[in-house]
Amino acid sequence: MIVAKQHGKHRTHVFSYEGKPITQASTAAWYKALKRCGIEDFRWHDLRHTWASWHAQAGTPLFVLQELGGWESAEMVRRYAHLSTTHLANYARNSTL
């Protein structure tokens, strides 16, 4: 939800401030923003999981996602990219077993 609200606000970056991309965030600023939004137990690094999962759910091939994310192995991609329960249920329903 938070990431989706940022979509389109900057041409190349997800997060921006006053029209400029945010390229670094201090830990204190990150946790202050989370507190203001009422979000608990969320790390900056969790956004990497979200990004990879959205790609996987949209059908981005594993080897393409590996290149985009800069991972050295497919195993690392699988550590970050997850299918939603809805995606898994849809595949289970489509089974011809």
N, C-alpha and C. Protein backbone atom coordinates (compact mmCIF):
# COMPACT_ATOMS: atom_id res chain seq x y z
N MET A 1 0.82 -1.18 0.00
CA MET A 1 0.00 0.00 0.00
C MET A 1 0.87 1.25 0.00
N ILE A 2 1.86 1.32 0.86
CA ILE A 2 2.72 2.49 0.94
C ILE A 2 3.52 2.64 -0.33
N VAL A 3 4.09 1.55 -0.81
CA VAL A 3 4.88 1.60 -2.04
C VAL A 3 3.99 1.97 -3.21
N ALA A 4 2.79 1.42 -3.27
CA ALA A 4 1.87 1.72 -4.37
C ALA A 4 1.52 3.21 -4.41
N LYS A 5 1.43 3.86 -3.27
CA LYS A 5 1.11 5.29 -3.23
C LYS A 5 2.23 6.14 -3.82
N GLN A 6 3.44 5.62 -3.84
CA GLN A 6 4.58 6.36 -4.38
C GLN A 6 4.72 6.20 -5.89
N HIS A 7 4.01 5.24 -6.46
CA HIS A 7 4.13 4.94 -7.89
C HIS A 7 3.84 6.18 -8.73
N GLY A 8 4.77 6.50 -9.62
CA GLY A 8 4.59 7.62 -10.53
C GLY A 8 5.01 8.98 -10.01
N LYS A 9 5.42 9.06 -8.76
CA LYS A 9 5.83 10.36 -8.21
C LYS A 9 7.22 10.77 -8.69
N HIS A 10 8.03 9.80 -9.06
CA HIS A 10 9.35 10.10 -9.61
C HIS A 10 9.60 9.15 -10.77
N ARG A 11 10.31 9.64 -11.77
CA ARG A 11 10.52 8.87 -12.99
C ARG A 11 11.36 7.61 -12.79
N THR A 12 12.36 7.65 -11.91
CA THR A 12 13.26 6.51 -11.77
C THR A 12 13.31 5.88 -10.38
N HIS A 13 12.78 6.55 -9.37
CA HIS A 13 12.87 6.05 -8.00
C HIS A 13 11.48 5.87 -7.38
N VAL A 14 11.38 4.89 -6.52
CA VAL A 14 10.11 4.64 -5.83
C VAL A 14 9.83 5.73 -4.81
N PHE A 15 10.83 6.10 -4.04
CA PHE A 15 10.64 7.09 -3.00
C PHE A 15 11.33 8.40 -3.38
N SER A 16 10.60 9.49 -3.18
CA SER A 16 11.16 10.81 -3.46
C SER A 16 10.69 11.79 -2.39
N TYR A 17 11.39 12.91 -2.32
CA TYR A 17 11.02 13.97 -1.38
C TYR A 17 11.25 15.29 -2.09
N GLU A 18 10.20 16.08 -2.16
CA GLU A 18 10.24 17.36 -2.85
C GLU A 18 10.78 17.22 -4.27
N GLY A 19 10.35 16.16 -4.95
CA GLY A 19 10.71 15.93 -6.34
C GLY A 19 12.08 15.32 -6.57
N LYS A 20 12.83 15.07 -5.51
CA LYS A 20 14.17 14.50 -5.64
C LYS A 20 14.16 13.07 -5.11
N PRO A 21 14.90 12.16 -5.77
CA PRO A 21 14.92 10.77 -5.31
C PRO A 21 15.59 10.64 -3.95
N ILE A 22 15.05 9.76 -3.14
CA ILE A 22 15.68 9.43 -1.86
C ILE A 22 16.64 8.29 -2.15
N THR A 23 17.92 8.54 -2.00
CA THR A 23 18.93 7.52 -2.28
C THR A 23 19.50 6.92 -1.01
N GLN A 24 19.28 7.57 0.11
CA GLN A 24 19.72 7.06 1.40
C GLN A 24 18.68 7.44 2.45
N ALA A 25 18.56 6.60 3.45
CA ALA A 25 17.65 6.93 4.56
C ALA A 25 18.33 6.49 5.85
N SER A 26 18.36 7.36 6.81
CA SER A 26 18.95 6.98 8.09
C SER A 26 17.98 6.06 8.81
N THR A 27 18.53 5.24 9.65
CA THR A 27 17.70 4.33 10.43
C THR A 27 16.70 5.11 11.28
N ALA A 28 17.15 6.20 11.87
CA ALA A 28 16.27 7.00 12.72
C ALA A 28 15.11 7.57 11.92
N ALA A 29 15.39 8.08 10.73
CA ALA A 29 14.33 8.65 9.89
C ALA A 29 13.36 7.57 9.45
N TRP A 30 13.88 6.39 9.12
CA TRP A 30 13.04 5.27 8.68
C TRP A 30 12.06 4.89 9.80
N TYR A 31 12.58 4.69 11.01
CA TYR A 31 11.71 4.27 12.11
C TYR A 31 10.75 5.37 12.54
N LYS A 32 11.16 6.61 12.40
CA LYS A 32 10.27 7.73 12.70
C LYS A 32 9.09 7.74 11.71
N ALA A 33 9.38 7.51 10.44
CA ALA A 33 8.33 7.47 9.42
C ALA A 33 7.39 6.29 9.67
N LEU A 34 7.93 5.13 10.01
CA LEU A 34 7.09 3.97 10.31
C LEU A 34 6.17 4.24 11.49
N LYS A 35 6.72 4.84 12.53
CA LYS A 35 5.92 5.14 13.71
C LYS A 35 4.79 6.09 13.36
N ARG A 36 5.10 7.12 12.58
CA ARG A 36 4.09 8.10 12.17
C ARG A 36 2.96 7.44 11.37
N CYS A 37 3.31 6.39 10.63
CA CYS A 37 2.31 5.68 9.82
C CYS A 37 1.62 4.55 10.59
N GLY A 38 2.08 4.28 11.81
CA GLY A 38 1.49 3.20 12.60
C GLY A 38 1.93 1.82 12.15
N ILE A 39 3.09 1.73 11.51
CA ILE A 39 3.60 0.45 11.01
C ILE A 39 4.63 -0.09 11.98
N GLU A 40 4.47 -1.36 12.36
CA GLU A 40 5.41 -2.00 13.27
C GLU A 40 6.10 -3.16 12.56
N ASP A 41 7.28 -3.51 13.04
CA ASP A 41 8.01 -4.69 12.57
C ASP A 41 8.20 -4.68 11.05
N PHE A 42 8.78 -3.62 10.52
CA PHE A 42 9.04 -3.51 9.08
C PHE A 42 10.41 -2.90 8.89
N ARG A 43 11.24 -3.57 8.09
CA ARG A 43 12.60 -3.09 7.85
C ARG A 43 12.71 -2.56 6.42
N TRP A 44 13.65 -1.67 6.19
CA TRP A 44 13.90 -1.14 4.85
C TRP A 44 14.14 -2.29 3.88
N HIS A 45 14.87 -3.29 4.33
CA HIS A 45 15.21 -4.44 3.49
C HIS A 45 13.97 -5.24 3.08
N ASP A 46 12.89 -5.15 3.83
CA ASP A 46 11.66 -5.87 3.48
C ASP A 46 11.14 -5.42 2.12
N LEU A 47 11.47 -4.20 1.71
CA LEU A 47 11.02 -3.72 0.41
C LEU A 47 11.63 -4.53 -0.73
N ARG A 48 12.80 -5.08 -0.53
CA ARG A 48 13.44 -5.92 -1.55
C ARG A 48 12.63 -7.20 -1.74
N HIS A 49 12.12 -7.75 -0.65
CA HIS A 49 11.26 -8.93 -0.74
C HIS A 49 9.97 -8.59 -1.49
N THR A 50 9.39 -7.45 -1.15
CA THR A 50 8.15 -7.02 -1.81
C THR A 50 8.37 -6.85 -3.30
N TRP A 51 9.42 -6.17 -3.68
CA TRP A 51 9.74 -5.92 -5.08
C TRP A 51 9.91 -7.24 -5.84
N ALA A 52 10.69 -8.15 -5.28
CA ALA A 52 10.94 -9.44 -5.94
C ALA A 52 9.65 -10.27 -6.02
N SER A 53 8.85 -10.23 -4.98
CA SER A 53 7.60 -10.99 -4.98
C SER A 53 6.62 -10.46 -6.01
N TRP A 54 6.51 -9.14 -6.12
CA TRP A 54 5.62 -8.56 -7.13
C TRP A 54 6.05 -8.96 -8.53
N HIS A 55 7.36 -8.98 -8.77
CA HIS A 55 7.85 -9.41 -10.08
C HIS A 55 7.49 -10.87 -10.33
N ALA A 56 7.74 -11.73 -9.35
CA ALA A 56 7.44 -13.16 -9.51
C ALA A 56 5.95 -13.37 -9.78
N GLN A 57 5.10 -12.66 -9.05
CA GLN A 57 3.66 -12.80 -9.21
C GLN A 57 3.18 -12.25 -10.55
N ALA A 58 3.95 -11.33 -11.12
CA ALA A 58 3.59 -10.76 -12.43
C ALA A 58 4.13 -11.62 -13.57
N GLY A 59 4.89 -12.66 -13.24
CA GLY A 59 5.39 -13.57 -14.26
C GLY A 59 6.79 -13.29 -14.77
N THR A 60 7.53 -12.42 -14.12
CA THR A 60 8.91 -12.15 -14.53
C THR A 60 9.71 -13.45 -14.40
N PRO A 61 10.37 -13.88 -15.48
CA PRO A 61 11.15 -15.12 -15.40
C PRO A 61 12.24 -15.04 -14.33
N LEU A 62 12.51 -16.17 -13.71
CA LEU A 62 13.47 -16.25 -12.62
C LEU A 62 14.83 -15.68 -13.01
N PHE A 63 15.34 -16.05 -14.20
CA PHE A 63 16.66 -15.58 -14.59
C PHE A 63 16.68 -14.08 -14.84
N VAL A 64 15.56 -13.51 -15.29
CA VAL A 64 15.47 -12.06 -15.49
C VAL A 64 15.45 -11.37 -14.13
N LEU A 65 14.67 -11.90 -13.21
CA LEU A 65 14.60 -11.34 -11.86
C LEU A 65 15.96 -11.41 -11.17
N GLN A 66 16.69 -12.48 -11.41
CA GLN A 66 18.03 -12.62 -10.84
C GLN A 66 18.93 -11.50 -11.33
N GLU A 67 18.87 -11.19 -12.61
CA GLU A 67 19.69 -10.09 -13.16
C GLU A 67 19.24 -8.74 -12.62
N LEU A 68 17.93 -8.51 -12.60
CA LEU A 68 17.40 -7.23 -12.12
C LEU A 68 17.78 -6.97 -10.67
N GLY A 69 17.72 -8.01 -9.85
CA GLY A 69 18.00 -7.86 -8.43
C GLY A 69 19.47 -7.96 -8.07
N GLY A 70 20.29 -8.36 -9.04
CA GLY A 70 21.73 -8.47 -8.78
C GLY A 70 22.12 -9.67 -7.93
N TRP A 71 21.29 -10.72 -7.94
CA TRP A 71 21.61 -11.91 -7.16
C TRP A 71 22.52 -12.83 -7.96
N GLU A 72 23.42 -13.51 -7.27
CA GLU A 72 24.37 -14.40 -7.94
C GLU A 72 23.79 -15.77 -8.26
N SER A 73 22.73 -16.16 -7.57
CA SER A 73 22.17 -17.50 -7.79
C SER A 73 20.64 -17.47 -7.79
N ALA A 74 20.07 -18.48 -8.44
CA ALA A 74 18.61 -18.62 -8.46
C ALA A 74 18.10 -18.91 -7.05
N GLU A 75 18.93 -19.55 -6.24
CA GLU A 75 18.55 -19.84 -4.85
C GLU A 75 18.28 -18.55 -4.08
N MET A 76 19.08 -17.53 -4.31
CA MET A 76 18.87 -16.24 -3.64
C MET A 76 17.58 -15.59 -4.11
N VAL A 77 17.26 -15.72 -5.39
CA VAL A 77 16.01 -15.16 -5.91
C VAL A 77 14.84 -15.81 -5.19
N ARG A 78 14.89 -17.13 -5.04
CA ARG A 78 13.80 -17.85 -4.37
C ARG A 78 13.70 -17.46 -2.89
N ARG A 79 14.78 -17.01 -2.31
CA ARG A 79 14.73 -16.56 -0.92
C ARG A 79 13.95 -15.25 -0.79
N TYR A 80 14.00 -14.43 -1.83
CA TYR A 80 13.35 -13.11 -1.80
C TYR A 80 11.98 -13.09 -2.45
N ALA A 81 11.80 -13.83 -3.53
CA ALA A 81 10.56 -13.77 -4.30
C ALA A 81 9.59 -14.85 -3.83
N HIS A 82 8.39 -14.43 -3.49
CA HIS A 82 7.39 -15.36 -2.97
C HIS A 82 6.08 -15.18 -3.73
N LEU A 83 5.36 -16.27 -3.91
CA LEU A 83 4.03 -16.19 -4.49
C LEU A 83 3.02 -15.99 -3.37
N SER A 84 1.97 -15.25 -3.66
CA SER A 84 0.93 -15.02 -2.67
C SER A 84 0.07 -16.28 -2.54
N THR A 85 -0.67 -16.38 -1.47
CA THR A 85 -1.58 -17.52 -1.30
C THR A 85 -2.62 -17.55 -2.41
N THR A 86 -3.02 -16.38 -2.90
CA THR A 86 -3.97 -16.32 -4.02
C THR A 86 -3.37 -16.94 -5.27
N HIS A 87 -2.12 -16.61 -5.57
CA HIS A 87 -1.46 -17.19 -6.74
C HIS A 87 -1.35 -18.71 -6.59
N LEU A 88 -0.95 -19.17 -5.43
CA LEU A 88 -0.81 -20.60 -5.21
C LEU A 88 -2.16 -21.31 -5.33
N ALA A 89 -3.20 -20.71 -4.79
CA ALA A 89 -4.54 -21.31 -4.88
C ALA A 89 -5.01 -21.38 -6.32
N ASN A 90 -4.74 -20.35 -7.11
CA ASN A 90 -5.12 -20.37 -8.53
C ASN A 90 -4.41 -21.48 -9.27
N TYR A 91 -3.13 -21.68 -9.01
CA TYR A 91 -2.40 -22.77 -9.66
C TYR A 91 -2.93 -24.12 -9.20
N ALA A 92 -3.28 -24.25 -7.94
CA ALA A 92 -3.82 -25.50 -7.42
C ALA A 92 -5.15 -25.83 -8.08
N ARG A 93 -5.98 -24.82 -8.30
CA ARG A 93 -7.28 -25.03 -8.95
C ARG A 93 -7.12 -25.43 -10.41
N ASN A 94 -6.07 -24.94 -11.05
CA ASN A 94 -5.85 -25.23 -12.47
C ASN A 94 -5.24 -26.59 -12.71
N SER A 95 -4.91 -27.31 -11.66
CA SER A 95 -4.29 -28.63 -11.80
C SER A 95 -5.25 -29.61 -12.44
N THR A 96 -4.73 -30.45 -13.33
CA THR A 96 -5.57 -31.44 -14.01
C THR A 96 -5.37 -32.83 -13.44
N LEU A 97 -4.83 -32.92 -12.23
CA LEU A 97 -4.60 -34.22 -11.60
C LEU A 97 -5.89 -34.92 -11.30
